[in-house]
Amino acid sequence: MNIAVLCSGSGTNLRAIIDKIRSGYIPANIAIVVSDNKNALALERASEAGIDTLVLDKKDFASREDFDRALAANLSNKKIDLVVLAGFMRLLSPYFIKKYRNKIINIHPALLPAFKGTRGIKDALEYGARVTGPTVHFVEEELDSGPIILQRAIEIKPEDTEESLLERVHAEEHKIYPEAIKLFVEGRLKINGRKVIIK
């Protein structure tokens, strides 16, 4: 199975996925890493691992859908079976989501449906939540709303800062994201309405 990983930043989840593929835990291949940021550290991580990379600059496209059509064309050339969003800071268009329906997964640094959006860690802290943690979910048109695959709860400590909490959430992300990818690759996920059944 061929995987495309879409990143905008440092690529720590990408690194965890690469490690789990190399160890044989995930029986799949990362065929391409795509970024909308030419300076993303994720691109360096991919190149060091011998993985093909692609940079698509939004400034080169008239609309979000035009960007996504170019993205889809490149993924089609690589015969991609699963699209993994790992810190990809762009909303995908309905065109792209329809094309890869139930084949796009994302990781979010909060226990969805709570604290959607780009400030999941900060919002949980400011709200005074007692627990938070990462969520892996399928991607649908609405932001952070697709069926949930895996979640991992962690306690928010009284002394936590945004940085300390982020570090602990990331540590859990690096465990459950490879696990969710493995389940998908092995054909063990079935979507039934809002629920994801693990076989």
Protein backbone atom coordinates (compact mmCIF):
# COMPACT_ATOMS: atom_id res chain seq x y z
CA MET A 1 0.00 0.00 0.00
CA ASN A 2 1.30 3.43 -0.97
CA ILE A 3 0.99 6.32 1.49
CA ALA A 4 1.31 10.05 0.88
CA VAL A 5 2.18 12.18 3.90
CA LEU A 6 1.24 15.87 3.77
CA CYS A 7 3.21 18.17 6.08
CA SER A 8 3.74 21.89 6.65
CA GLY A 9 6.21 21.90 9.53
CA SER A 10 8.78 19.93 11.48
CA GLY A 11 7.50 16.47 10.61
CA THR A 12 7.84 14.75 13.99
CA ASN A 13 4.85 12.52 13.23
CA LEU A 14 6.38 11.79 9.82
CA ARG A 15 9.55 10.66 11.59
CA ALA A 16 7.53 8.33 13.85
CA ILE A 17 5.73 6.85 10.83
CA ILE A 18 8.98 6.33 8.91
CA ASP A 19 10.48 4.54 11.92
CA LYS A 20 7.46 2.22 12.24
CA ILE A 21 7.54 1.36 8.53
CA ARG A 22 11.26 0.60 8.69
CA SER A 23 10.71 -1.67 11.70
CA GLY A 24 8.04 -3.61 9.82
CA TYR A 25 5.25 -2.52 12.19
CA ILE A 26 3.39 -0.77 9.32
CA PRO A 27 3.39 -2.95 6.18
CA ALA A 28 3.31 -0.07 3.71
CA ASN A 29 5.44 2.38 1.76
CA ILE A 30 5.59 6.17 1.93
CA ALA A 31 5.60 6.97 -1.77
CA ILE A 32 5.75 10.75 -1.40
CA VAL A 33 5.88 13.56 1.16
CA VAL A 34 4.16 16.75 0.06
CA SER A 35 4.48 20.19 1.65
CA ASP A 36 3.04 23.62 1.03
CA ASN A 37 6.12 25.07 2.75
CA LYS A 38 9.46 24.79 0.97
CA ASN A 39 11.28 25.34 4.28
CA ALA A 40 9.49 22.58 6.17
CA LEU A 41 11.86 20.37 8.16
CA ALA A 42 9.61 17.48 7.16
CA LEU A 43 11.06 17.69 3.64
CA GLU A 44 14.57 17.20 5.02
CA ARG A 45 13.41 14.24 7.09
CA ALA A 46 11.86 12.68 3.99
CA SER A 47 14.93 13.27 1.81
CA GLU A 48 17.20 11.76 4.46
CA ALA A 49 14.97 8.67 4.41
CA GLY A 50 15.14 8.45 0.62
CA ILE A 51 11.50 9.40 0.12
CA ASP A 52 10.35 11.48 -2.86
CA THR A 53 9.21 14.99 -1.97
CA LEU A 54 7.06 17.62 -3.62
CA VAL A 55 6.49 21.29 -2.77
CA LEU A 56 3.30 22.98 -3.92
CA ASP A 57 3.16 26.74 -3.30
CA LYS A 58 -0.34 28.15 -2.90
CA LYS A 59 0.82 31.32 -4.65
CA ASP A 60 1.09 29.31 -7.86
CA PHE A 61 -2.63 28.48 -7.85
CA ALA A 62 -5.70 30.66 -8.33
CA SER A 63 -7.83 28.74 -5.82
CA ARG A 64 -7.77 26.07 -3.15
CA GLU A 65 -9.36 23.62 -5.57
CA ASP A 66 -6.72 24.32 -8.23
CA PHE A 67 -4.05 23.56 -5.61
CA ASP A 68 -5.85 20.34 -4.66
CA ARG A 69 -6.29 19.26 -8.28
CA ALA A 70 -2.53 19.54 -8.77
CA LEU A 71 -2.00 17.66 -5.51
CA ALA A 72 -4.42 14.91 -6.56
CA ALA A 73 -2.74 14.57 -9.96
CA ASN A 74 0.64 14.04 -8.31
CA LEU A 75 -0.78 11.52 -5.85
CA SER A 76 -2.51 9.66 -8.66
CA ASN A 77 0.84 9.30 -10.43
CA LYS A 78 2.17 7.64 -7.27
CA LYS A 79 -0.87 5.32 -6.99
CA ILE A 80 -1.64 6.54 -3.46
CA ASP A 81 -3.97 4.41 -1.31
CA LEU A 82 -3.91 6.50 1.88
CA VAL A 83 -3.36 10.21 2.51
CA VAL A 84 -1.90 11.02 5.94
CA LEU A 85 -2.07 14.60 7.20
CA ALA A 86 0.78 15.26 9.60
CA GLY A 87 0.72 18.93 10.53
CA PHE A 88 -0.60 19.98 7.12
CA MET A 89 -1.88 23.51 7.70
CA ARG A 90 -4.23 23.78 4.73
CA LEU A 91 -7.92 22.98 4.55
CA LEU A 92 -8.59 20.45 1.82
CA SER A 93 -11.24 21.26 -0.75
CA PRO A 94 -14.44 19.22 -1.19
CA TYR A 95 -13.00 18.10 -4.55
CA PHE A 96 -9.99 16.46 -2.92
CA ILE A 97 -11.94 14.96 -0.03
CA LYS A 98 -14.47 13.44 -2.44
CA LYS A 99 -11.67 11.99 -4.59
CA TYR A 100 -10.05 10.31 -1.59
CA ARG A 101 -13.21 9.69 0.45
CA ASN A 102 -12.45 7.58 3.56
CA LYS A 103 -8.79 7.46 2.53
CA ILE A 104 -7.59 10.61 4.32
CA ILE A 105 -6.69 10.61 8.00
CA ASN A 106 -5.57 13.39 10.31
CA ILE A 107 -4.23 13.74 13.83
CA HIS A 108 -5.51 16.50 16.09
CA PRO A 109 -3.91 17.51 19.43
CA ALA A 110 -7.16 17.44 21.43
CA LEU A 111 -9.95 15.00 22.27
CA LEU A 112 -12.44 15.74 19.52
CA PRO A 113 -15.12 16.97 19.30
CA ALA A 114 -13.68 19.34 21.93
CA PHE A 115 -11.23 22.10 20.93
CA LYS A 116 -11.32 21.92 17.17
CA GLY A 117 -9.07 24.09 15.02
CA THR A 118 -5.44 25.11 15.19
CA ARG A 119 -5.28 25.96 18.93
CA GLY A 120 -6.23 22.61 20.44
CA ILE A 121 -3.53 22.63 23.12
CA LYS A 122 -3.92 26.27 24.09
CA ASP A 123 -7.72 26.09 24.12
CA ALA A 124 -7.74 23.03 26.42
CA LEU A 125 -5.42 24.81 28.85
CA GLU A 126 -7.35 28.06 28.82
CA TYR A 127 -10.67 26.27 29.29
CA GLY A 128 -9.36 24.50 32.37
CA ALA A 129 -9.89 21.00 31.00
CA ARG A 130 -8.66 18.18 33.24
CA VAL A 131 -7.77 15.85 30.36
CA THR A 132 -6.81 16.20 26.74
CA GLY A 133 -4.90 14.13 24.23
CA PRO A 134 -4.60 13.35 20.53
CA THR A 135 -7.33 12.13 18.18
CA VAL A 136 -6.84 10.31 14.88
CA HIS A 137 -9.83 10.68 12.60
CA PHE A 138 -11.00 10.37 9.02
CA VAL A 139 -11.21 13.68 7.18
CA GLU A 140 -14.51 15.08 5.98
CA GLU A 141 -15.48 18.45 4.52
CA GLU A 142 -16.17 20.01 7.92
CA LEU A 143 -13.08 20.87 9.98
CA ASP A 144 -12.01 18.21 12.52
CA SER A 145 -15.34 16.41 12.25
CA GLY A 146 -14.72 13.01 10.62
CA PRO A 147 -15.27 9.64 12.32
CA ILE A 148 -12.79 8.99 15.12
CA ILE A 149 -10.32 6.10 14.77
CA LEU A 150 -8.25 6.36 17.97
CA GLN A 151 -7.93 8.69 20.94
CA ARG A 152 -5.54 8.76 23.88
CA ALA A 153 -6.40 10.73 27.00
CA ILE A 154 -3.72 12.34 29.16
CA GLU A 155 -4.11 14.30 32.38
CA ILE A 156 -3.51 18.03 32.32
CA LYS A 157 -1.31 18.86 35.30
CA PRO A 158 -1.80 22.07 37.30
CA GLU A 159 1.72 23.18 36.46
CA ASP A 160 1.41 22.48 32.71
CA THR A 161 2.37 25.17 30.23
CA GLU A 162 1.43 25.12 26.57
CA GLU A 163 4.94 23.82 25.80
CA SER A 164 4.97 21.04 28.42
CA LEU A 165 1.48 19.86 27.47
CA LEU A 166 2.32 19.92 23.78
CA GLU A 167 5.37 17.76 24.42
CA ARG A 168 3.28 15.12 26.21
CA VAL A 169 0.53 15.19 23.60
CA HIS A 170 3.12 14.79 20.84
CA ALA A 171 4.60 11.77 22.62
CA GLU A 172 1.17 10.11 22.48
CA GLU A 173 0.62 11.19 18.88
CA HIS A 174 3.78 9.35 17.88
CA LYS A 175 2.27 6.16 19.31
CA ILE A 176 -1.32 6.27 18.12
CA TYR A 177 -0.81 7.68 14.62
CA PRO A 178 1.34 4.75 13.46
CA GLU A 179 -1.16 2.41 15.15
CA ALA A 180 -4.08 3.95 13.24
CA ILE A 181 -2.16 3.77 9.95
CA LYS A 182 -1.35 0.10 10.61
CA LEU A 183 -5.05 -0.63 11.21
CA PHE A 184 -5.99 1.09 7.94
CA VAL A 185 -3.28 -0.67 5.93
CA GLU A 186 -4.32 -4.04 7.31
CA GLY A 187 -7.94 -3.39 6.34
CA ARG A 188 -9.14 -3.49 9.93
CA LEU A 189 -11.15 -0.24 9.94
CA LYS A 190 -14.81 -0.09 8.96
CA ILE A 191 -16.82 3.14 9.03
CA ASN A 192 -20.38 2.72 10.25
CA GLY A 193 -22.03 6.15 10.36
CA ARG A 194 -20.15 8.19 12.96
CA LYS A 195 -18.38 5.15 14.38
CA VAL A 196 -15.21 3.43 13.27
CA ILE A 197 -15.28 -0.30 13.97
CA ILE A 198 -11.87 -1.91 14.50
CA LYS A 199 -11.85 -5.52 13.32
